[in-house]
Amino acid sequence: MIDALRLMAWLSPTYPVGAFAYSHGLEWAVECGDVCDAATLADWLSDVLERGAGRNDMILCGCAHRAITARDEAGLLEINDLALALAPSRELHLETSQQGRSFLDATLRAWPCPALSDVAARLEGQVAYPVAVGTAAGAHGVAREATVAAYGLAFVQNLVSAALRVAPVGQSAGTAVLAALTPRVAALAETLHAADLDALGSATLRLDLGSFRHETQYSRIFRS
């Protein structure tokens, strides 16, 4: 029970990581008309989840969890370097690195433990968000499967929240989209149970290019 509550707290919108400031390219997708209602939002989110950063982040989160559980600090540092390098644009790199650093620092202050403190001393500078979450969960003994699934759902929740602010989608429609995607998050987490770094890959080229265009978008409210 305590592990489930801990994950709920860590991945809550109120956790001080600044998630509200990022849309992962959604703001550009709205600007160019790719997302214009609940149906197109659901399609866009499902692609990002299953074919893009959502899936990759869940894999990286699980790999980080395995590394710290095995006390493989060198492996963990390599996973973090790879996670940061996979960000295709400056904005998406900022999105993962800023949230990751904030998450690790906040968790060390509020939920300190020797295992996390030891590895945090090696994870200086930039930390990818999924790596930070997987590391903290592994250090605290939270189950990897639950951590990966919870991370995936939080990823989708944050983008639905962004859509409510920037897309012509109301709260009821956004909640329905989240409900429809929740089983897909669970199914994806199940398929990634044994996934390693070789399973990484994405096919969201339009989102990646859109994140570059967002950097010079005239009117915007998000940092990505």
Protein backbone atom coordinates (compact mmCIF):
# COMPACT_ATOMS: atom_id res chain seq x y z
CA MET A 1 0.00 0.00 0.00
CA ILE A 2 2.73 2.48 0.95
CA ASP A 3 4.51 1.91 -2.37
CA ALA A 4 1.35 2.71 -4.34
CA LEU A 5 0.81 5.87 -2.32
CA ARG A 6 4.43 6.87 -2.81
CA LEU A 7 4.08 6.55 -6.60
CA MET A 8 0.86 8.56 -6.51
CA ALA A 9 2.65 11.33 -4.62
CA TRP A 10 5.76 11.32 -6.81
CA LEU A 11 3.78 11.41 -10.07
CA SER A 12 1.13 13.84 -8.89
CA PRO A 13 0.71 17.15 -10.77
CA THR A 14 1.59 18.87 -7.48
CA TYR A 15 5.05 17.30 -7.29
CA PRO A 16 7.58 20.11 -7.81
CA VAL A 17 9.07 19.11 -11.17
CA GLY A 18 7.51 21.83 -13.32
CA ALA A 19 5.58 19.41 -15.53
CA PHE A 20 2.87 22.04 -16.10
CA ALA A 21 5.32 24.06 -18.22
CA TYR A 22 5.77 21.42 -20.92
CA SER A 23 3.52 20.03 -23.64
CA HIS A 24 5.95 17.68 -25.44
CA GLY A 25 5.17 19.25 -28.78
CA LEU A 26 1.40 19.25 -28.28
CA GLU A 27 1.20 23.03 -28.50
CA TRP A 28 2.67 22.93 -32.01
CA ALA A 29 0.36 20.06 -32.95
CA VAL A 30 -2.60 22.28 -32.00
CA GLU A 31 -1.12 25.27 -33.83
CA CYS A 32 -0.74 23.36 -37.11
CA GLY A 33 -4.11 21.61 -36.82
CA ASP A 34 -2.97 18.06 -36.07
CA VAL A 35 -4.93 18.19 -32.81
CA CYS A 36 -8.27 19.97 -33.06
CA ASP A 37 -10.71 17.91 -30.96
CA ALA A 38 -10.94 14.95 -28.59
CA ALA A 39 -10.63 12.35 -31.37
CA THR A 40 -7.45 13.83 -32.85
CA LEU A 41 -6.04 14.31 -29.34
CA ALA A 42 -6.60 10.62 -28.59
CA ASP A 43 -4.88 9.64 -31.84
CA TRP A 44 -1.95 11.96 -31.18
CA LEU A 45 -1.53 10.72 -27.60
CA SER A 46 -1.72 7.07 -28.56
CA ASP A 47 1.06 7.57 -31.11
CA VAL A 48 3.28 9.41 -28.63
CA LEU A 49 2.59 6.73 -26.01
CA GLU A 50 3.07 3.62 -28.12
CA ARG A 51 5.42 4.78 -30.87
CA GLY A 52 7.32 7.68 -29.31
CA ALA A 53 8.68 9.11 -26.09
CA GLY A 54 6.06 7.46 -23.89
CA ARG A 55 7.26 3.98 -24.77
CA ASN A 56 10.94 4.95 -24.70
CA ASP A 57 10.59 6.65 -21.33
CA MET A 58 8.89 3.59 -19.86
CA ILE A 59 11.78 1.42 -21.09
CA LEU A 60 14.37 3.84 -19.68
CA CYS A 61 12.52 4.00 -16.37
CA GLY A 62 12.54 0.21 -16.10
CA CYS A 63 16.20 -0.04 -17.07
CA ALA A 64 17.20 2.56 -14.48
CA HIS A 65 15.22 0.63 -11.87
CA ARG A 66 17.07 -2.58 -12.76
CA ALA A 67 20.45 -0.86 -12.65
CA ILE A 68 20.07 0.63 -9.19
CA THR A 69 18.53 -2.57 -7.85
CA ALA A 70 21.60 -4.43 -9.12
CA ARG A 71 23.85 -1.67 -7.72
CA ASP A 72 25.18 -1.08 -11.21
CA GLU A 73 26.05 2.61 -10.91
CA ALA A 74 28.17 2.63 -14.06
CA GLY A 75 25.27 1.13 -15.99
CA LEU A 76 22.89 3.69 -14.54
CA LEU A 77 25.11 6.56 -15.65
CA GLU A 78 25.21 5.12 -19.17
CA ILE A 79 21.42 4.82 -19.22
CA ASN A 80 21.11 8.45 -18.17
CA ASP A 81 23.55 9.62 -20.84
CA LEU A 82 21.61 7.70 -23.49
CA ALA A 83 18.26 9.03 -22.27
CA LEU A 84 19.51 12.61 -22.54
CA ALA A 85 21.02 11.98 -25.97
CA LEU A 86 17.73 10.58 -27.29
CA ALA A 87 15.96 13.94 -26.89
CA PRO A 88 15.58 15.11 -30.51
CA SER A 89 15.42 18.86 -29.88
CA ARG A 90 16.63 21.50 -27.45
CA GLU A 91 13.15 21.91 -25.97
CA LEU A 92 12.56 18.20 -25.43
CA HIS A 93 16.03 17.88 -23.92
CA LEU A 94 15.15 20.68 -21.50
CA GLU A 95 11.82 19.01 -20.74
CA THR A 96 13.34 15.74 -19.59
CA SER A 97 16.51 17.13 -17.97
CA GLN A 98 14.83 19.88 -15.97
CA GLN A 99 12.08 17.61 -14.69
CA GLY A 100 14.54 14.84 -13.92
CA ARG A 101 16.85 17.07 -11.92
CA SER A 102 13.90 18.62 -10.05
CA PHE A 103 12.39 15.21 -9.32
CA LEU A 104 15.61 13.78 -7.94
CA ASP A 105 16.32 16.83 -5.78
CA ALA A 106 12.76 16.97 -4.40
CA THR A 107 12.71 13.25 -3.65
CA LEU A 108 16.06 13.38 -1.87
CA ARG A 109 14.70 16.14 0.37
CA ALA A 110 11.29 14.63 1.13
CA TRP A 111 11.99 10.86 0.86
CA PRO A 112 15.69 10.43 1.69
CA CYS A 113 17.22 6.97 1.79
CA PRO A 114 20.86 5.80 1.78
CA ALA A 115 20.63 3.99 -1.58
CA LEU A 116 19.22 7.04 -3.33
CA SER A 117 21.67 9.42 -1.67
CA ASP A 118 24.62 7.28 -2.74
CA VAL A 119 23.66 7.15 -6.41
CA ALA A 120 22.53 10.79 -6.49
CA ALA A 121 26.07 11.78 -5.62
CA ARG A 122 27.09 10.24 -8.95
CA LEU A 123 24.17 11.67 -10.92
CA GLU A 124 25.40 15.22 -10.92
CA GLY A 125 24.15 17.71 -13.47
CA GLN A 126 21.46 16.72 -15.93
CA VAL A 127 19.21 13.76 -15.18
CA ALA A 128 16.57 12.44 -17.57
CA TYR A 129 13.12 12.35 -15.99
CA PRO A 130 12.37 8.62 -16.51
CA VAL A 131 15.81 7.75 -15.19
CA ALA A 132 15.21 9.83 -12.06
CA VAL A 133 11.85 8.16 -11.41
CA GLY A 134 13.18 4.64 -12.01
CA THR A 135 16.19 5.33 -9.82
CA ALA A 136 14.14 6.66 -6.92
CA ALA A 137 11.67 3.79 -7.11
CA GLY A 138 14.42 1.18 -7.23
CA ALA A 139 16.25 2.77 -4.32
CA HIS A 140 13.07 2.70 -2.24
CA GLY A 141 12.21 -0.87 -3.21
CA VAL A 142 9.08 0.02 -5.19
CA ALA A 143 8.20 -2.70 -7.69
CA ARG A 144 9.51 -2.07 -11.21
CA GLU A 145 6.31 -3.16 -12.97
CA ALA A 146 4.16 -0.78 -10.94
CA THR A 147 6.66 2.05 -11.41
CA VAL A 148 6.77 1.70 -15.19
CA ALA A 149 2.97 1.54 -15.49
CA ALA A 150 2.49 4.52 -13.19
CA TYR A 151 5.07 6.52 -15.13
CA GLY A 152 3.29 5.78 -18.39
CA LEU A 153 -0.07 6.89 -17.05
CA ALA A 154 1.44 10.07 -15.58
CA PHE A 155 3.00 10.81 -18.98
CA VAL A 156 -0.42 10.67 -20.62
CA GLN A 157 -2.10 12.59 -17.79
CA ASN A 158 0.30 15.49 -18.12
CA LEU A 159 -0.34 15.77 -21.86
CA VAL A 160 -4.10 15.64 -21.33
CA SER A 161 -3.68 18.45 -18.81
CA ALA A 162 -1.72 20.44 -21.39
CA ALA A 163 -4.44 19.81 -23.97
CA LEU A 164 -7.08 21.28 -21.65
CA ARG A 165 -5.12 24.52 -21.66
CA VAL A 166 -4.16 24.77 -25.32
CA ALA A 167 -6.57 22.63 -27.38
CA PRO A 168 -10.33 22.95 -27.97
CA VAL A 169 -10.96 20.06 -25.58
CA GLY A 170 -12.99 20.33 -22.37
CA GLN A 171 -12.48 18.54 -19.07
CA SER A 172 -15.12 15.88 -19.72
CA ALA A 173 -13.65 15.04 -23.11
CA GLY A 174 -10.12 15.04 -21.69
CA THR A 175 -11.16 12.66 -18.93
CA ALA A 176 -12.76 10.35 -21.49
CA VAL A 177 -9.54 10.35 -23.55
CA LEU A 178 -7.52 9.48 -20.45
CA ALA A 179 -9.92 6.68 -19.56
CA ALA A 180 -9.69 5.24 -23.07
CA LEU A 181 -5.89 5.28 -23.03
CA THR A 182 -5.44 3.83 -19.53
CA PRO A 183 -5.84 0.18 -20.64
CA ARG A 184 -3.34 0.83 -23.42
CA VAL A 185 -0.84 2.13 -20.86
CA ALA A 186 -1.33 -1.04 -18.82
CA ALA A 187 -0.94 -3.27 -21.90
CA LEU A 188 2.19 -1.42 -22.99
CA ALA A 189 3.72 -1.73 -19.53
CA GLU A 190 3.07 -5.47 -19.66
CA THR A 191 4.81 -5.86 -23.02
CA LEU A 192 7.81 -3.89 -21.73
CA HIS A 193 8.24 -6.06 -18.64
CA ALA A 194 11.56 -7.50 -19.84
CA ALA A 195 12.53 -4.75 -22.33
CA ASP A 196 16.13 -3.55 -22.36
CA LEU A 197 17.87 -0.70 -24.12
CA ASP A 198 17.87 -2.61 -27.40
CA ALA A 199 14.08 -2.17 -27.49
CA LEU A 200 14.32 1.61 -27.71
CA GLY A 201 13.05 3.29 -30.86
CA SER A 202 10.45 5.77 -32.04
CA ALA A 203 8.42 6.67 -35.11
CA THR A 204 7.04 10.13 -34.32
CA LEU A 205 8.99 12.18 -36.82
CA ARG A 206 6.29 14.83 -37.19
CA LEU A 207 6.31 15.45 -33.45
CA ASP A 208 10.11 15.67 -33.42
CA LEU A 209 10.14 18.20 -36.25
CA GLY A 210 7.28 20.08 -34.62
CA SER A 211 9.33 20.47 -31.45
CA PHE A 212 11.97 22.36 -33.49
CA ARG A 213 9.28 24.58 -34.99
CA HIS A 214 7.84 25.26 -31.55
CA GLU A 215 11.10 26.95 -30.57
CA THR A 216 10.22 29.84 -32.88
CA GLN A 217 6.43 29.68 -32.61
CA TYR A 218 5.13 33.24 -32.27
CA SER A 219 2.49 32.66 -29.59
CA ARG A 220 3.00 29.94 -27.01
CA ILE A 221 2.46 29.18 -23.34
CA PHE A 222 4.60 26.03 -22.95
CA ARG A 223 8.35 25.53 -22.97
CA SER A 224 8.10 22.57 -25.33
